[in-house]
C-alpha atoms as a PDB file:
ATOM      1  CA  UNK A   1      42.364  -6.543  14.392  1.00  0.00           C
ATOM      2  CA  UNK A   2      41.533  -3.674  12.089  1.00  0.00           C
ATOM      3  CA  UNK A   3      41.300  -3.673   8.356  1.00  0.00           C
ATOM      4  CA  UNK A   4      43.933  -2.347   5.984  1.00  0.00           C
ATOM      5  CA  UNK A   5      42.612   1.215   6.309  1.00  0.00           C
ATOM      6  CA  UNK A   6      43.669   1.375   9.951  1.00  0.00           C
ATOM      7  CA  UNK A   7      47.030   1.061  11.592  1.00  0.00           C
ATOM      8  CA  UNK A   8      50.472   2.073  10.533  1.00  0.00           C
ATOM      9  CA  UNK A   9      51.632   2.162   6.922  1.00  0.00           C
ATOM     10  CA  UNK A  10      54.619  -0.163   6.665  1.00  0.00           C
ATOM     11  CA  UNK A  11      56.952  -0.554   3.708  1.00  0.00           C
ATOM     12  CA  UNK A  12      59.244  -3.493   2.917  1.00  0.00           C
ATOM     13  CA  UNK A  13      61.566  -3.067  -0.071  1.00  0.00           C
ATOM     14  CA  UNK A  14      59.431  -0.124  -1.241  1.00  0.00           C
ATOM     15  CA  UNK A  15      56.217  -2.201  -1.113  1.00  0.00           C
ATOM     16  CA  UNK A  16      53.484  -1.351   1.358  1.00  0.00           C
ATOM     17  CA  UNK A  17      52.517  -4.284   3.574  1.00  0.00           C
ATOM     18  CA  UNK A  18      50.093  -4.601   6.446  1.00  0.00           C
ATOM     19  CA  UNK A  19      51.688  -4.475   9.886  1.00  0.00           C
ATOM     20  CA  UNK A  20      50.433  -8.047  10.514  1.00  0.00           C
ATOM     21  CA  UNK A  21      52.959  -9.273   7.920  1.00  0.00           C
ATOM     22  CA  UNK A  22      55.747  -8.039  10.176  1.00  0.00           C
ATOM     23  CA  UNK A  23      54.433 -10.141  13.083  1.00  0.00           C
ATOM     24  CA  UNK A  24      55.491 -13.235  11.166  1.00  0.00           C
ATOM     25  CA  UNK A  25      58.953 -14.751  10.984  1.00  0.00           C
ATOM     26  CA  UNK A  26      60.547 -15.039   7.540  1.00  0.00           C
ATOM     27  CA  UNK A  27      59.725 -18.782   7.527  1.00  0.00           C
ATOM     28  CA  UNK A  28      56.098 -18.074   8.461  1.00  0.00           C
ATOM     29  CA  UNK A  29      55.932 -15.485   5.666  1.00  0.00           C
ATOM     30  CA  UNK A  30      57.255 -18.111   3.249  1.00  0.00           C
ATOM     31  CA  UNK A  31      54.664 -20.648   4.380  1.00  0.00           C
ATOM     32  CA  UNK A  32      51.864 -18.082   4.201  1.00  0.00           C
ATOM     33  CA  UNK A  33      52.895 -17.132   0.675  1.00  0.00           C
ATOM     34  CA  UNK A  34      52.662 -20.795  -0.342  1.00  0.00           C
ATOM     35  CA  UNK A  35      49.258 -21.179   1.342  1.00  0.00           C
ATOM     36  CA  UNK A  36      47.956 -18.215  -0.645  1.00  0.00           C
ATOM     37  CA  UNK A  37      49.330 -19.848  -3.813  1.00  0.00           C
ATOM     38  CA  UNK A  38      47.117 -22.844  -3.027  1.00  0.00           C
ATOM     39  CA  UNK A  39      49.753 -25.381  -2.015  1.00  0.00           C
ATOM     40  CA  UNK A  40      48.837 -28.163   0.405  1.00  0.00           C
ATOM     41  CA  UNK A  41      50.787 -28.710   3.608  1.00  0.00           C
ATOM     42  CA  UNK A  42      52.574 -31.648   1.968  1.00  0.00           C
ATOM     43  CA  UNK A  43      53.521 -29.551  -1.070  1.00  0.00           C
ATOM     44  CA  UNK A  44      54.774 -26.715   1.141  1.00  0.00           C
ATOM     45  CA  UNK A  45      56.836 -29.160   3.213  1.00  0.00           C
ATOM     46  CA  UNK A  46      58.424 -30.570   0.073  1.00  0.00           C
ATOM     47  CA  UNK A  47      59.133 -27.127  -1.376  1.00  0.00           C
ATOM     48  CA  UNK A  48      60.873 -25.805   1.743  1.00  0.00           C
ATOM     49  CA  UNK A  49      62.463 -29.117   2.832  1.00  0.00           C
ATOM     50  CA  UNK A  50      60.744 -29.614   6.173  1.00  0.00           C
ATOM     51  CA  UNK A  51      58.268 -32.178   7.484  1.00  0.00           C
ATOM     52  CA  UNK A  52      54.547 -31.780   7.013  1.00  0.00           C
ATOM     53  CA  UNK A  53      54.225 -31.567  10.813  1.00  0.00           C
ATOM     54  CA  UNK A  54      56.611 -28.589  10.841  1.00  0.00           C
ATOM     55  CA  UNK A  55      54.371 -26.814   8.323  1.00  0.00           C
ATOM     56  CA  UNK A  56      51.346 -27.571  10.515  1.00  0.00           C
ATOM     57  CA  UNK A  57      53.175 -26.196  13.570  1.00  0.00           C
ATOM     58  CA  UNK A  58      54.046 -22.991  11.703  1.00  0.00           C
ATOM     59  CA  UNK A  59      50.449 -22.629  10.513  1.00  0.00           C
ATOM     60  CA  UNK A  60      49.173 -23.020  14.068  1.00  0.00           C
ATOM     61  CA  UNK A  61      51.496 -20.178  15.129  1.00  0.00           C
ATOM     62  CA  UNK A  62      50.427 -18.041  12.165  1.00  0.00           C
ATOM     63  CA  UNK A  63      46.763 -18.568  13.060  1.00  0.00           C
ATOM     64  CA  UNK A  64      47.454 -17.447  16.634  1.00  0.00           C
ATOM     65  CA  UNK A  65      49.416 -14.360  15.558  1.00  0.00           C
ATOM     66  CA  UNK A  66      46.771 -13.249  13.070  1.00  0.00           C
ATOM     67  CA  UNK A  67      43.753 -14.179  15.172  1.00  0.00           C
ATOM     68  CA  UNK A  68      42.217 -16.763  12.857  1.00  0.00           C
ATOM     69  CA  UNK A  69      41.055 -20.322  13.477  1.00  0.00           C
ATOM     70  CA  UNK A  70      41.711 -22.111  10.196  1.00  0.00           C
ATOM     71  CA  UNK A  71      43.192 -21.965   6.703  1.00  0.00           C
ATOM     72  CA  UNK A  72      40.031 -20.510   5.145  1.00  0.00           C
ATOM     73  CA  UNK A  73      39.912 -17.646   7.628  1.00  0.00           C
ATOM     74  CA  UNK A  74      43.636 -17.099   7.097  1.00  0.00           C
ATOM     75  CA  UNK A  75      43.356 -16.750   3.326  1.00  0.00           C
ATOM     76  CA  UNK A  76      40.246 -14.567   3.643  1.00  0.00           C
ATOM     77  CA  UNK A  77      42.088 -12.280   6.074  1.00  0.00           C
ATOM     78  CA  UNK A  78      45.140 -12.048   3.841  1.00  0.00           C
ATOM     79  CA  UNK A  79      43.126 -11.014   0.800  1.00  0.00           C
ATOM     80  CA  UNK A  80      41.106  -8.543   2.838  1.00  0.00           C
ATOM     81  CA  UNK A  81      44.277  -6.977   4.268  1.00  0.00           C
ATOM     82  CA  UNK A  82      46.201  -7.244   0.996  1.00  0.00           C
ATOM     83  CA  UNK A  83      49.350  -8.371   2.785  1.00  0.00           C
END
């Protein structure tokens, strides 16, 4: 996928976001936001009232949608894209 200088400019509530953000469900966006904040899977699960396995399942789907293999690549991609 391209960097933030390519692709369509997308705005959500007057804020520009990368089009990859829109590939994610609202729950996946919530989980991703918590990952970027540095929360563990267990902490995310507790915060959003789901099991840790559910968080892991969502992360697996996020990785697939954004073309990354792990949490480190995910966070690196997010900061590079400035989602």
